[in-house]
């Protein structure tokens, strides 16, 4: 189950109007892309019920999206040949290890919100 709480009643994201009252959805209610957008949205708190680190995960996605935004798009050393941010560049900004999966998720959310 996924529990979503909005900081403001009536906030829309991923085709759903969210409430300040927590609402629960089945695990398959959102696509992976929609769930990534929801988790990166500062107006929402997204929890996967049964996962202990959900709040930390949400903060992590947001931090990585901010790190992507901080990269100089003209500095070729910060980007891979395919145009994604280098994990090493993000690691310097966030001060810790960044996996390719985390980088890809942050890159996807960044591009969709850009």
PDB file of N, CA and C in Angstrom:
ATOM      1  N   UNK A   1       0.832  -1.183   0.000  1.00  0.00           N
ATOM      2  CA  UNK A   1       0.000   0.000   0.000  1.00  0.00           C
ATOM      3  C   UNK A   1       0.876   1.245   0.000  1.00  0.00           C
ATOM      4  N   UNK A   2       0.343   2.282  -0.629  1.00  0.00           N
ATOM      5  CA  UNK A   2       1.015   3.569  -0.702  1.00  0.00           C
ATOM      6  C   UNK A   2       0.124   4.585   0.014  1.00  0.00           C
ATOM      7  N   UNK A   3       0.711   5.335   0.914  1.00  0.00           N
ATOM      8  CA  UNK A   3      -0.029   6.376   1.634  1.00  0.00           C
ATOM      9  C   UNK A   3       0.501   7.739   1.198  1.00  0.00           C
ATOM     10  N   UNK A   4      -0.408   8.620   0.777  1.00  0.00           N
ATOM     11  CA  UNK A   4      -0.014   9.950   0.308  1.00  0.00           C
ATOM     12  C   UNK A   4      -0.755  11.008   1.119  1.00  0.00           C
ATOM     13  N   UNK A   5       0.017  11.988   1.587  1.00  0.00           N
ATOM     14  CA  UNK A   5      -0.530  13.114   2.323  1.00  0.00           C
ATOM     15  C   UNK A   5      -0.025  14.392   1.668  1.00  0.00           C
ATOM     16  N   UNK A   6      -0.923  15.327   1.414  1.00  0.00           N
ATOM     17  CA  UNK A   6      -0.560  16.605   0.806  1.00  0.00           C
ATOM     18  C   UNK A   6      -0.409  17.679   1.877  1.00  0.00           C
ATOM     19  N   UNK A   7       0.449  18.640   1.632  1.00  0.00           N
ATOM     20  CA  UNK A   7       0.576  19.770   2.540  1.00  0.00           C
ATOM     21  C   UNK A   7      -0.588  20.737   2.374  1.00  0.00           C
ATOM     22  N   UNK A   8      -1.293  20.605   1.243  1.00  0.00           N
ATOM     23  CA  UNK A   8      -2.430  21.483   0.967  1.00  0.00           C
ATOM     24  C   UNK A   8      -3.553  20.668   0.338  1.00  0.00           C
ATOM     25  N   UNK A   9      -4.753  20.807   0.870  1.00  0.00           N
ATOM     26  CA  UNK A   9      -5.909  20.121   0.294  1.00  0.00           C
ATOM     27  C   UNK A   9      -6.100  20.537  -1.157  1.00  0.00           C
ATOM     28  N   UNK A  10      -6.422  19.568  -2.002  1.00  0.00           N
ATOM     29  CA  UNK A  10      -6.744  19.855  -3.397  1.00  0.00           C
ATOM     30  C   UNK A  10      -5.549  19.923  -4.322  1.00  0.00           C
ATOM     31  N   UNK A  11      -4.357  19.584  -3.851  1.00  0.00           N
ATOM     32  CA  UNK A  11      -3.162  19.625  -4.690  1.00  0.00           C
ATOM     33  C   UNK A  11      -3.197  18.461  -5.683  1.00  0.00           C
ATOM     34  N   UNK A  12      -2.996  18.768  -6.952  1.00  0.00           N
ATOM     35  CA  UNK A  12      -3.044  17.746  -8.010  1.00  0.00           C
ATOM     36  C   UNK A  12      -1.646  17.295  -8.410  1.00  0.00           C
ATOM     37  N   UNK A  13      -1.481  15.996  -8.551  1.00  0.00           N
ATOM     38  CA  UNK A  13      -0.251  15.423  -9.105  1.00  0.00           C
ATOM     39  C   UNK A  13      -0.584  14.013  -9.557  1.00  0.00           C
ATOM     40  N   UNK A  14      -0.051  13.616 -10.707  1.00  0.00           N
ATOM     41  CA  UNK A  14      -0.236  12.273 -11.281  1.00  0.00           C
ATOM     42  C   UNK A  14      -1.718  11.956 -11.496  1.00  0.00           C
ATOM     43  N   UNK A  15      -2.480  12.980 -11.875  1.00  0.00           N
ATOM     44  CA  UNK A  15      -3.887  12.768 -12.184  1.00  0.00           C
ATOM     45  C   UNK A  15      -4.789  12.542 -10.985  1.00  0.00           C
ATOM     46  N   UNK A  16      -4.274  12.857  -9.786  1.00  0.00           N
ATOM     47  CA  UNK A  16      -5.034  12.633  -8.565  1.00  0.00           C
ATOM     48  C   UNK A  16      -5.046  13.920  -7.740  1.00  0.00           C
ATOM     49  N   UNK A  17      -6.209  14.254  -7.199  1.00  0.00           N
ATOM     50  CA  UNK A  17      -6.317  15.379  -6.278  1.00  0.00           C
ATOM     51  C   UNK A  17      -6.020  14.861  -4.878  1.00  0.00           C
ATOM     52  N   UNK A  18      -4.967  15.399  -4.255  1.00  0.00           N
ATOM     53  CA  UNK A  18      -4.509  14.907  -2.965  1.00  0.00           C
ATOM     54  C   UNK A  18      -5.051  15.762  -1.829  1.00  0.00           C
ATOM     55  N   UNK A  19      -5.066  15.184  -0.643  1.00  0.00           N
ATOM     56  CA  UNK A  19      -5.652  15.815   0.535  1.00  0.00           C
ATOM     57  C   UNK A  19      -4.630  15.866   1.664  1.00  0.00           C
ATOM     58  N   UNK A  20      -4.878  16.760   2.610  1.00  0.00           N
ATOM     59  CA  UNK A  20      -4.030  16.808   3.799  1.00  0.00           C
ATOM     60  C   UNK A  20      -4.358  15.655   4.753  1.00  0.00           C
ATOM     61  N   UNK A  21      -5.442  14.969   4.483  1.00  0.00           N
ATOM     62  CA  UNK A  21      -5.776  13.739   5.204  1.00  0.00           C
ATOM     63  C   UNK A  21      -5.122  12.575   4.466  1.00  0.00           C
ATOM     64  N   UNK A  22      -4.295  11.782   5.130  1.00  0.00           N
ATOM     65  CA  UNK A  22      -3.629  10.676   4.433  1.00  0.00           C
ATOM     66  C   UNK A  22      -4.625   9.761   3.727  1.00  0.00           C
ATOM     67  N   UNK A  23      -4.263   9.379   2.505  1.00  0.00           N
ATOM     68  CA  UNK A  23      -5.094   8.457   1.736  1.00  0.00           C
ATOM     69  C   UNK A  23      -4.218   7.297   1.261  1.00  0.00           C
ATOM     70  N   UNK A  24      -4.767   6.099   1.298  1.00  0.00           N
ATOM     71  CA  UNK A  24      -4.012   4.916   0.912  1.00  0.00           C
ATOM     72  C   UNK A  24      -4.464   4.413  -0.452  1.00  0.00           C
ATOM     73  N   UNK A  25      -3.477   3.947  -1.228  1.00  0.00           N
ATOM     74  CA  UNK A  25      -3.702   3.429  -2.576  1.00  0.00           C
ATOM     75  C   UNK A  25      -3.040   2.064  -2.683  1.00  0.00           C
ATOM     76  N   UNK A  26      -3.578   1.185  -3.522  1.00  0.00           N
ATOM     77  CA  UNK A  26      -2.898  -0.106  -3.741  1.00  0.00           C
ATOM     78  C   UNK A  26      -1.549   0.117  -4.431  1.00  0.00           C
ATOM     79  N   UNK A  27      -0.654  -0.838  -4.265  1.00  0.00           N
ATOM     80  CA  UNK A  27       0.691  -0.717  -4.822  1.00  0.00           C
ATOM     81  C   UNK A  27       0.694  -0.456  -6.323  1.00  0.00           C
ATOM     82  N   UNK A  28      -0.290  -0.943  -7.049  1.00  0.00           N
ATOM     83  CA  UNK A  28      -0.305  -0.791  -8.499  1.00  0.00           C
ATOM     84  C   UNK A  28      -1.140   0.410  -8.970  1.00  0.00           C
ATOM     85  N   UNK A  29      -1.485   1.314  -8.057  1.00  0.00           N
ATOM     86  CA  UNK A  29      -2.315   2.472  -8.416  1.00  0.00           C
ATOM     87  C   UNK A  29      -1.560   3.464  -9.297  1.00  0.00           C
ATOM     88  N   UNK A  30      -0.238   3.474  -9.221  1.00  0.00           N
ATOM     89  CA  UNK A  30       0.585   4.413  -9.978  1.00  0.00           C
ATOM     90  C   UNK A  30       1.672   3.672 -10.735  1.00  0.00           C
ATOM     91  N   UNK A  31       2.038   4.200 -11.894  1.00  0.00           N
ATOM     92  CA  UNK A  31       3.167   3.639 -12.629  1.00  0.00           C
ATOM     93  C   UNK A  31       4.449   4.015 -11.891  1.00  0.00           C
ATOM     94  N   UNK A  32       5.560   3.392 -12.265  1.00  0.00           N
ATOM     95  CA  UNK A  32       6.848   3.733 -11.654  1.00  0.00           C
ATOM     96  C   UNK A  32       7.165   5.210 -11.880  1.00  0.00           C
ATOM     97  N   UNK A  33       6.857   5.693 -13.069  1.00  0.00           N
ATOM     98  CA  UNK A  33       7.108   7.103 -13.410  1.00  0.00           C
ATOM     99  C   UNK A  33       6.271   8.024 -12.523  1.00  0.00           C
ATOM    100  N   UNK A  34       4.990   7.718 -12.375  1.00  0.00           N
ATOM    101  CA  UNK A  34       4.115   8.537 -11.536  1.00  0.00           C
ATOM    102  C   UNK A  34       4.575   8.504 -10.079  1.00  0.00           C
ATOM    103  N   UNK A  35       4.950   7.334  -9.598  1.00  0.00           N
ATOM    104  CA  UNK A  35       5.403   7.211  -8.219  1.00  0.00           C
ATOM    105  C   UNK A  35       6.683   8.025  -8.001  1.00  0.00           C
ATOM    106  N   UNK A  36       7.585   8.034  -8.978  1.00  0.00           N
ATOM    107  CA  UNK A  36       8.800   8.842  -8.872  1.00  0.00           C
ATOM    108  C   UNK A  36       8.455  10.329  -8.793  1.00  0.00           C
ATOM    109  N   UNK A  37       7.504  10.770  -9.612  1.00  0.00           N
ATOM    110  CA  UNK A  37       7.069  12.169  -9.567  1.00  0.00           C
ATOM    111  C   UNK A  37       6.435  12.503  -8.225  1.00  0.00           C
ATOM    112  N   UNK A  38       5.611  11.606  -7.730  1.00  0.00           N
ATOM    113  CA  UNK A  38       4.960  11.830  -6.442  1.00  0.00           C
ATOM    114  C   UNK A  38       5.990  11.929  -5.316  1.00  0.00           C
ATOM    115  N   UNK A  39       6.969  11.035  -5.330  1.00  0.00           N
ATOM    116  CA  UNK A  39       7.994  11.041  -4.274  1.00  0.00           C
ATOM    117  C   UNK A  39       8.870  12.282  -4.329  1.00  0.00           C
ATOM    118  N   UNK A  40       9.083  12.814  -5.515  1.00  0.00           N
ATOM    119  CA  UNK A  40       9.933  13.992  -5.660  1.00  0.00           C
ATOM    120  C   UNK A  40       9.188  15.296  -5.386  1.00  0.00           C
ATOM    121  N   UNK A  41       7.890  15.240  -5.292  1.00  0.00           N
ATOM    122  CA  UNK A  41       7.068  16.438  -5.104  1.00  0.00           C
ATOM    123  C   UNK A  41       7.140  16.912  -3.652  1.00  0.00           C
ATOM    124  N   UNK A  42       7.676  18.125  -3.416  1.00  0.00           N
ATOM    125  CA  UNK A  42       7.797  18.626  -2.042  1.00  0.00           C
ATOM    126  C   UNK A  42       6.450  18.847  -1.337  1.00  0.00           C
ATOM    127  N   UNK A  43       5.377  18.993  -2.098  1.00  0.00           N
ATOM    128  CA  UNK A  43       4.059  19.214  -1.495  1.00  0.00           C
ATOM    129  C   UNK A  43       3.446  17.925  -0.949  1.00  0.00           C
ATOM    130  N   UNK A  44       4.061  16.778  -1.264  1.00  0.00           N
ATOM    131  CA  UNK A  44       3.487  15.500  -0.872  1.00  0.00           C
ATOM    132  C   UNK A  44       4.436  14.694   0.003  1.00  0.00           C
ATOM    133  N   UNK A  45       3.853  13.918   0.885  1.00  0.00           N
ATOM    134  CA  UNK A  45       4.590  12.901   1.623  1.00  0.00           C
ATOM    135  C   UNK A  45       4.073  11.561   1.121  1.00  0.00           C
ATOM    136  N   UNK A  46       4.982  10.778   0.576  1.00  0.00           N
ATOM    137  CA  UNK A  46       4.616   9.478   0.011  1.00  0.00           C
ATOM    138  C   UNK A  46       5.281   8.394   0.845  1.00  0.00           C
ATOM    139  N   UNK A  47       4.472   7.491   1.341  1.00  0.00           N
ATOM    140  CA  UNK A  47       4.985   6.393   2.160  1.00  0.00           C
ATOM    141  C   UNK A  47       4.521   5.075   1.573  1.00  0.00           C
ATOM    142  N   UNK A  48       5.423   4.140   1.503  1.00  0.00           N
ATOM    143  CA  UNK A  48       5.020   2.782   1.155  1.00  0.00           C
ATOM    144  C   UNK A  48       4.866   2.063   2.481  1.00  0.00           C
ATOM    145  N   UNK A  49       3.651   1.727   2.820  1.00  0.00           N
ATOM    146  CA  UNK A  49       3.363   1.133   4.116  1.00  0.00           C
ATOM    147  C   UNK A  49       4.122  -0.176   4.247  1.00  0.00           C
ATOM    148  N   UNK A  50       4.851  -0.284   5.345  1.00  0.00           N
ATOM    149  CA  UNK A  50       5.668  -1.463   5.579  1.00  0.00           C
ATOM    150  C   UNK A  50       7.142  -1.222   5.311  1.00  0.00           C
ATOM    151  N   UNK A  51       7.485  -0.082   4.697  1.00  0.00           N
ATOM    152  CA  UNK A  51       8.886   0.270   4.470  1.00  0.00           C
ATOM    153  C   UNK A  51       9.324   1.247   5.544  1.00  0.00           C
ATOM    154  N   UNK A  52      10.383   0.933   6.239  1.00  0.00           N
ATOM    155  CA  UNK A  52      10.830   1.771   7.347  1.00  0.00           C
ATOM    156  C   UNK A  52      11.472   3.073   6.890  1.00  0.00           C
ATOM    157  N   UNK A  53      12.104   3.100   5.703  1.00  0.00           N
ATOM    158  CA  UNK A  53      12.882   4.263   5.309  1.00  0.00           C
ATOM    159  C   UNK A  53      12.173   5.157   4.301  1.00  0.00           C
ATOM    160  N   UNK A  54      10.878   5.087   4.148  1.00  0.00           N
ATOM    161  CA  UNK A  54      10.180   5.815   3.094  1.00  0.00           C
ATOM    162  C   UNK A  54      10.434   7.312   3.150  1.00  0.00           C
ATOM    163  N   UNK A  55      10.328   7.924   4.321  1.00  0.00           N
ATOM    164  CA  UNK A  55      10.567   9.363   4.433  1.00  0.00           C
ATOM    165  C   UNK A  55      11.966   9.731   4.003  1.00  0.00           C
ATOM    166  N   UNK A  56      12.938   8.931   4.410  1.00  0.00           N
ATOM    167  CA  UNK A  56      14.314   9.166   3.996  1.00  0.00           C
ATOM    168  C   UNK A  56      14.465   8.998   2.490  1.00  0.00           C
ATOM    169  N   UNK A  57      13.799   8.019   1.917  1.00  0.00           N
ATOM    170  CA  UNK A  57      13.871   7.797   0.477  1.00  0.00           C
ATOM    171  C   UNK A  57      13.319   8.992  -0.289  1.00  0.00           C
ATOM    172  N   UNK A  58      12.197   9.533   0.172  1.00  0.00           N
ATOM    173  CA  UNK A  58      11.589  10.693  -0.460  1.00  0.00           C
ATOM    174  C   UNK A  58      12.558  11.877  -0.410  1.00  0.00           C
ATOM    175  N   UNK A  59      13.176  12.109   0.740  1.00  0.00           N
ATOM    176  CA  UNK A  59      14.155  13.186   0.881  1.00  0.00           C
ATOM    177  C   UNK A  59      15.351  12.952  -0.040  1.00  0.00           C
ATOM    178  N   UNK A  60      15.748  11.704  -0.169  1.00  0.00           N
ATOM    179  CA  UNK A  60      16.897  11.355  -1.016  1.00  0.00           C
ATOM    180  C   UNK A  60      16.615  11.696  -2.476  1.00  0.00           C
ATOM    181  N   UNK A  61      15.452  11.333  -2.973  1.00  0.00           N
ATOM    182  CA  UNK A  61      15.090  11.643  -4.355  1.00  0.00           C
ATOM    183  C   UNK A  61      15.103  13.150  -4.565  1.00  0.00           C
ATOM    184  N   UNK A  62      14.517  13.893  -3.641  1.00  0.00           N
ATOM    185  CA  UNK A  62      14.479  15.350  -3.761  1.00  0.00           C
ATOM    186  C   UNK A  62      15.887  15.940  -3.759  1.00  0.00           C
ATOM    187  N   UNK A  63      16.761  15.431  -2.893  1.00  0.00           N
ATOM    188  CA  UNK A  63      18.142  15.916  -2.830  1.00  0.00           C
ATOM    189  C   UNK A  63      18.878  15.643  -4.134  1.00  0.00           C
ATOM    190  N   UNK A  64      18.662  14.472  -4.707  1.00  0.00           N
ATOM    191  CA  UNK A  64      19.337  14.137  -5.965  1.00  0.00           C
ATOM    192  C   UNK A  64      18.802  14.960  -7.134  1.00  0.00           C
ATOM    193  N   UNK A  65      17.523  15.260  -7.141  1.00  0.00           N
ATOM    194  CA  UNK A  65      16.959  16.114  -8.191  1.00  0.00           C
ATOM    195  C   UNK A  65      17.576  17.514  -8.086  1.00  0.00           C
ATOM    196  N   UNK A  66      17.723  18.019  -6.859  1.00  0.00           N
ATOM    197  CA  UNK A  66      18.365  19.332  -6.673  1.00  0.00           C
ATOM    198  C   UNK A  66      19.824  19.281  -7.116  1.00  0.00           C
ATOM    199  N   UNK A  67      20.494  18.159  -6.868  1.00  0.00           N
ATOM    200  CA  UNK A  67      21.888  18.009  -7.283  1.00  0.00           C
ATOM    201  C   UNK A  67      22.004  18.020  -8.806  1.00  0.00           C
ATOM    202  N   UNK A  68      21.085  17.349  -9.485  1.00  0.00           N
ATOM    203  CA  UNK A  68      21.085  17.367 -10.959  1.00  0.00           C
ATOM    204  C   UNK A  68      20.910  18.799 -11.451  1.00  0.00           C
ATOM    205  N   UNK A  69      19.998  19.537 -10.829  1.00  0.00           N
ATOM    206  CA  UNK A  69      19.736  20.920 -11.238  1.00  0.00           C
ATOM    207  C   UNK A  69      20.961  21.808 -11.031  1.00  0.00           C
ATOM    208  N   UNK A  70      21.806  21.457 -10.078  1.00  0.00           N
ATOM    209  CA  UNK A  70      22.984  22.267  -9.781  1.00  0.00           C
ATOM    210  C   UNK A  70      24.141  22.027 -10.756  1.00  0.00           C
ATOM    211  N   UNK A  71      24.073  20.959 -11.540  1.00  0.00           N
ATOM    212  CA  UNK A  71      25.164  20.648 -12.469  1.00  0.00           C
ATOM    213  C   UNK A  71      25.186  21.619 -13.643  1.00  0.00           C
ATOM    214  N   UNK A  72      26.398  22.013 -14.042  1.00  0.00           N
ATOM    215  CA  UNK A  72      26.575  22.892 -15.192  1.00  0.00           C
ATOM    216  C   UNK A  72      26.359  22.071 -16.467  1.00  0.00           C
ATOM    217  N   UNK A  73      25.324  22.402 -17.253  1.00  0.00           N
ATOM    218  CA  UNK A  73      25.045  21.608 -18.456  1.00  0.00           C
ATOM    219  C   UNK A  73      26.140  21.714 -19.514  1.00  0.00           C
ATOM    220  N   UNK A  74      26.983  22.712 -19.415  1.00  0.00           N
ATOM    221  CA  UNK A  74      28.060  22.904 -20.391  1.00  0.00           C
ATOM    222  C   UNK A  74      29.348  22.174 -20.016  1.00  0.00           C
ATOM    223  N   UNK A  75      29.480  21.723 -18.789  1.00  0.00           N
ATOM    224  CA  UNK A  75      30.690  21.038 -18.330  1.00  0.00           C
ATOM    225  C   UNK A  75      30.602  19.563 -18.703  1.00  0.00           C
ATOM    226  N   UNK A  76      31.260  19.190 -19.779  1.00  0.00           N
ATOM    227  CA  UNK A  76      31.201  17.819 -20.311  1.00  0.00           C
ATOM    228  C   UNK A  76      31.696  16.772 -19.317  1.00  0.00           C
ATOM    229  N   UNK A  77      32.543  17.166 -18.375  1.00  0.00           N
ATOM    230  CA  UNK A  77      33.082  16.217 -17.402  1.00  0.00           C
ATOM    231  C   UNK A  77      32.015  15.737 -16.417  1.00  0.00           C
ATOM    232  N   UNK A  78      30.899  16.452 -16.319  1.00  0.00           N
ATOM    233  CA  UNK A  78      29.852  16.101 -15.370  1.00  0.00           C
ATOM    234  C   UNK A  78      28.796  15.181 -15.967  1.00  0.00           C
ATOM    235  N   UNK A  79      28.891  14.932 -17.274  1.00  0.00           N
ATOM    236  CA  UNK A  79      27.841  14.202 -17.983  1.00  0.00           C
ATOM    237  C   UNK A  79      28.416  13.002 -18.718  1.00  0.00           C
ATOM    238  N   UNK A  80      27.615  11.941 -18.830  1.00  0.00           N
ATOM    239  CA  UNK A  80      28.034  10.760 -19.579  1.00  0.00           C
ATOM    240  C   UNK A  80      27.863  11.025 -21.070  1.00  0.00           C
ATOM    241  N   UNK A  81      28.373  10.139 -21.885  1.00  0.00           N
ATOM    242  CA  UNK A  81      28.209  10.252 -23.334  1.00  0.00           C
ATOM    243  C   UNK A  81      26.760  10.183 -23.771  1.00  0.00           C
ATOM    244  N   UNK A  82      25.913   9.538 -22.980  1.00  0.00           N
ATOM    245  CA  UNK A  82      24.487   9.437 -23.317  1.00  0.00           C
ATOM    246  C   UNK A  82      23.681  10.625 -22.776  1.00  0.00           C
ATOM    247  N   UNK A  83      24.359  11.552 -22.092  1.00  0.00           N
ATOM    248  CA  UNK A  83      23.685  12.763 -21.639  1.00  0.00           C
ATOM    249  C   UNK A  83      23.108  12.734 -20.248  1.00  0.00           C
ATOM    250  N   UNK A  84      23.405  11.680 -19.483  1.00  0.00           N
ATOM    251  CA  UNK A  84      22.927  11.637 -18.098  1.00  0.00           C
ATOM    252  C   UNK A  84      24.035  12.138 -17.173  1.00  0.00           C
ATOM    253  N   UNK A  85      23.658  12.615 -15.993  1.00  0.00           N
ATOM    254  CA  UNK A  85      24.685  13.072 -15.053  1.00  0.00           C
ATOM    255  C   UNK A  85      25.568  11.914 -14.600  1.00  0.00           C
ATOM    256  N   UNK A  86      26.833  12.181 -14.415  1.00  0.00           N
ATOM    257  CA  UNK A  86      27.732  11.168 -13.863  1.00  0.00           C
ATOM    258  C   UNK A  86      27.433  11.003 -12.369  1.00  0.00           C
ATOM    259  N   UNK A  87      27.421   9.758 -11.918  1.00  0.00           N
ATOM    260  CA  UNK A  87      27.154   9.519 -10.504  1.00  0.00           C
ATOM    261  C   UNK A  87      28.212  10.205  -9.635  1.00  0.00           C
ATOM    262  N   UNK A  88      29.448  10.242 -10.107  1.00  0.00           N
ATOM    263  CA  UNK A  88      30.528  10.871  -9.347  1.00  0.00           C
ATOM    264  C   UNK A  88      30.257  12.359  -9.129  1.00  0.00           C
ATOM    265  N   UNK A  89      29.676  13.017 -10.129  1.00  0.00           N
ATOM    266  CA  UNK A  89      29.353  14.443 -10.005  1.00  0.00           C
ATOM    267  C   UNK A  89      28.277  14.653  -8.945  1.00  0.00           C
ATOM    268  N   UNK A  90      27.275  13.772  -8.934  1.00  0.00           N
ATOM    269  CA  UNK A  90      26.215  13.879  -7.936  1.00  0.00           C
ATOM    270  C   UNK A  90      26.739  13.560  -6.545  1.00  0.00           C
ATOM    271  N   UNK A  91      27.644  12.587  -6.454  1.00  0.00           N
ATOM    272  CA  UNK A  91      28.221  12.210  -5.169  1.00  0.00           C
ATOM    273  C   UNK A  91      28.948  13.381  -4.516  1.00  0.00           C
ATOM    274  N   UNK A  92      29.634  14.187  -5.314  1.00  0.00           N
ATOM    275  CA  UNK A  92      30.343  15.355  -4.766  1.00  0.00           C
ATOM    276  C   UNK A  92      29.364  16.362  -4.185  1.00  0.00           C
ATOM    277  N   UNK A  93      28.197  16.484  -4.802  1.00  0.00           N
ATOM    278  CA  UNK A  93      27.209  17.454  -4.327  1.00  0.00           C
ATOM    279  C   UNK A  93      26.494  16.957  -3.082  1.00  0.00           C
ATOM    280  N   UNK A  94      26.060  15.692  -3.094  1.00  0.00           N
ATOM    281  CA  UNK A  94      25.289  15.173  -1.955  1.00  0.00           C
ATOM    282  C   UNK A  94      26.171  14.621  -0.835  1.00  0.00           C
ATOM    283  N   UNK A  95      27.454  14.458  -1.109  1.00  0.00           N
ATOM    284  CA  UNK A  95      28.379  14.015  -0.074  1.00  0.00           C
ATOM    285  C   UNK A  95      28.253  12.562   0.317  1.00  0.00           C
ATOM    286  N   UNK A  96      27.976  11.703  -0.649  1.00  0.00           N
ATOM    287  CA  UNK A  96      27.877  10.277  -0.370  1.00  0.00           C
ATOM    288  C   UNK A  96      27.654   9.502  -1.648  1.00  0.00           C
ATOM    289  N   UNK A  97      27.624   8.204  -1.526  1.00  0.00           N
ATOM    290  CA  UNK A  97      27.484   7.314  -2.676  1.00  0.00           C
ATOM    291  C   UNK A  97      26.123   7.476  -3.342  1.00  0.00           C
ATOM    292  N   UNK A  98      26.127   7.479  -4.672  1.00  0.00           N
ATOM    293  CA  UNK A  98      24.909   7.534  -5.472  1.00  0.00           C
ATOM    294  C   UNK A  98      24.950   6.363  -6.446  1.00  0.00           C
ATOM    295  N   UNK A  99      23.929   5.535  -6.433  1.00  0.00           N
ATOM    296  CA  UNK A  99      23.883   4.406  -7.361  1.00  0.00           C
ATOM    297  C   UNK A  99      23.379   4.877  -8.722  1.00  0.00           C
ATOM    298  N   UNK A 100      23.625   4.081  -9.735  1.00  0.00           N
ATOM    299  CA  UNK A 100      23.126   4.392 -11.077  1.00  0.00           C
ATOM    300  C   UNK A 100      21.598   4.418 -11.083  1.00  0.00           C
ATOM    301  N   UNK A 101      20.975   3.528 -10.314  1.00  0.00           N
ATOM    302  CA  UNK A 101      19.512   3.500 -10.231  1.00  0.00           C
ATOM    303  C   UNK A 101      18.976   4.803  -9.624  1.00  0.00           C
ATOM    304  N   UNK A 102      19.618   5.272  -8.551  1.00  0.00           N
ATOM    305  CA  UNK A 102      19.204   6.536  -7.938  1.00  0.00           C
ATOM    306  C   UNK A 102      19.398   7.696  -8.911  1.00  0.00           C
ATOM    307  N   UNK A 103      20.535   7.708  -9.591  1.00  0.00           N
ATOM    308  CA  UNK A 103      20.821   8.752 -10.569  1.00  0.00           C
ATOM    309  C   UNK A 103      19.770   8.755 -11.672  1.00  0.00           C
ATOM    310  N   UNK A 104      19.430   7.570 -12.187  1.00  0.00           N
ATOM    311  CA  UNK A 104      18.444   7.474 -13.265  1.00  0.00           C
ATOM    312  C   UNK A 104      17.071   7.976 -12.825  1.00  0.00           C
ATOM    313  N   UNK A 105      16.675   7.646 -11.610  1.00  0.00           N
ATOM    314  CA  UNK A 105      15.399   8.110 -11.091  1.00  0.00           C
ATOM    315  C   UNK A 105      15.402   9.633 -10.949  1.00  0.00           C
ATOM    316  N   UNK A 106      16.465  10.175 -10.363  1.00  0.00           N
ATOM    317  CA  UNK A 106      16.565  11.633 -10.204  1.00  0.00           C
ATOM    318  C   UNK A 106      16.580  12.331 -11.564  1.00  0.00           C
ATOM    319  N   UNK A 107      17.279  11.762 -12.529  1.00  0.00           N
ATOM    320  CA  UNK A 107      17.344  12.332 -13.873  1.00  0.00           C
ATOM    321  C   UNK A 107      15.961  12.325 -14.521  1.00  0.00           C
ATOM    322  N   UNK A 108      15.225  11.241 -14.368  1.00  0.00           N
ATOM    323  CA  UNK A 108      13.872  11.140 -14.926  1.00  0.00           C
ATOM    324  C   UNK A 108      12.959  12.193 -14.311  1.00  0.00           C
ATOM    325  N   UNK A 109      12.993  12.307 -12.999  1.00  0.00           N
ATOM    326  CA  UNK A 109      12.130  13.277 -12.311  1.00  0.00           C
ATOM    327  C   UNK A 109      12.532  14.698 -12.706  1.00  0.00           C
ATOM    328  N   UNK A 110      13.820  14.963 -12.775  1.00  0.00           N
ATOM    329  CA  UNK A 110      14.303  16.291 -13.172  1.00  0.00           C
ATOM    330  C   UNK A 110      13.789  16.672 -14.554  1.00  0.00           C
ATOM    331  N   UNK A 111      13.924  15.758 -15.509  1.00  0.00           N
ATOM    332  CA  UNK A 111      13.498  16.041 -16.897  1.00  0.00           C
ATOM    333  C   UNK A 111      11.994  16.259 -16.991  1.00  0.00           C
ATOM    334  N   UNK A 112      11.231  15.518 -16.205  1.00  0.00           N
ATOM    335  CA  UNK A 112       9.778  15.655 -16.263  1.00  0.00           C
ATOM    336  C   UNK A 112       9.288  16.923 -15.586  1.00  0.00           C
ATOM    337  N   UNK A 113      10.077  17.470 -14.682  1.00  0.00           N
ATOM    338  CA  UNK A 113       9.690  18.699 -13.993  1.00  0.00           C
ATOM    339  C   UNK A 113      10.344  19.932 -14.594  1.00  0.00           C
ATOM    340  N   UNK A 114      11.228  19.733 -15.538  1.00  0.00           N
ATOM    341  CA  UNK A 114      11.978  20.835 -16.143  1.00  0.00           C
ATOM    342  C   UNK A 114      11.126  21.635 -17.091  1.00  0.00           C
TER     343      UNK A 114
END
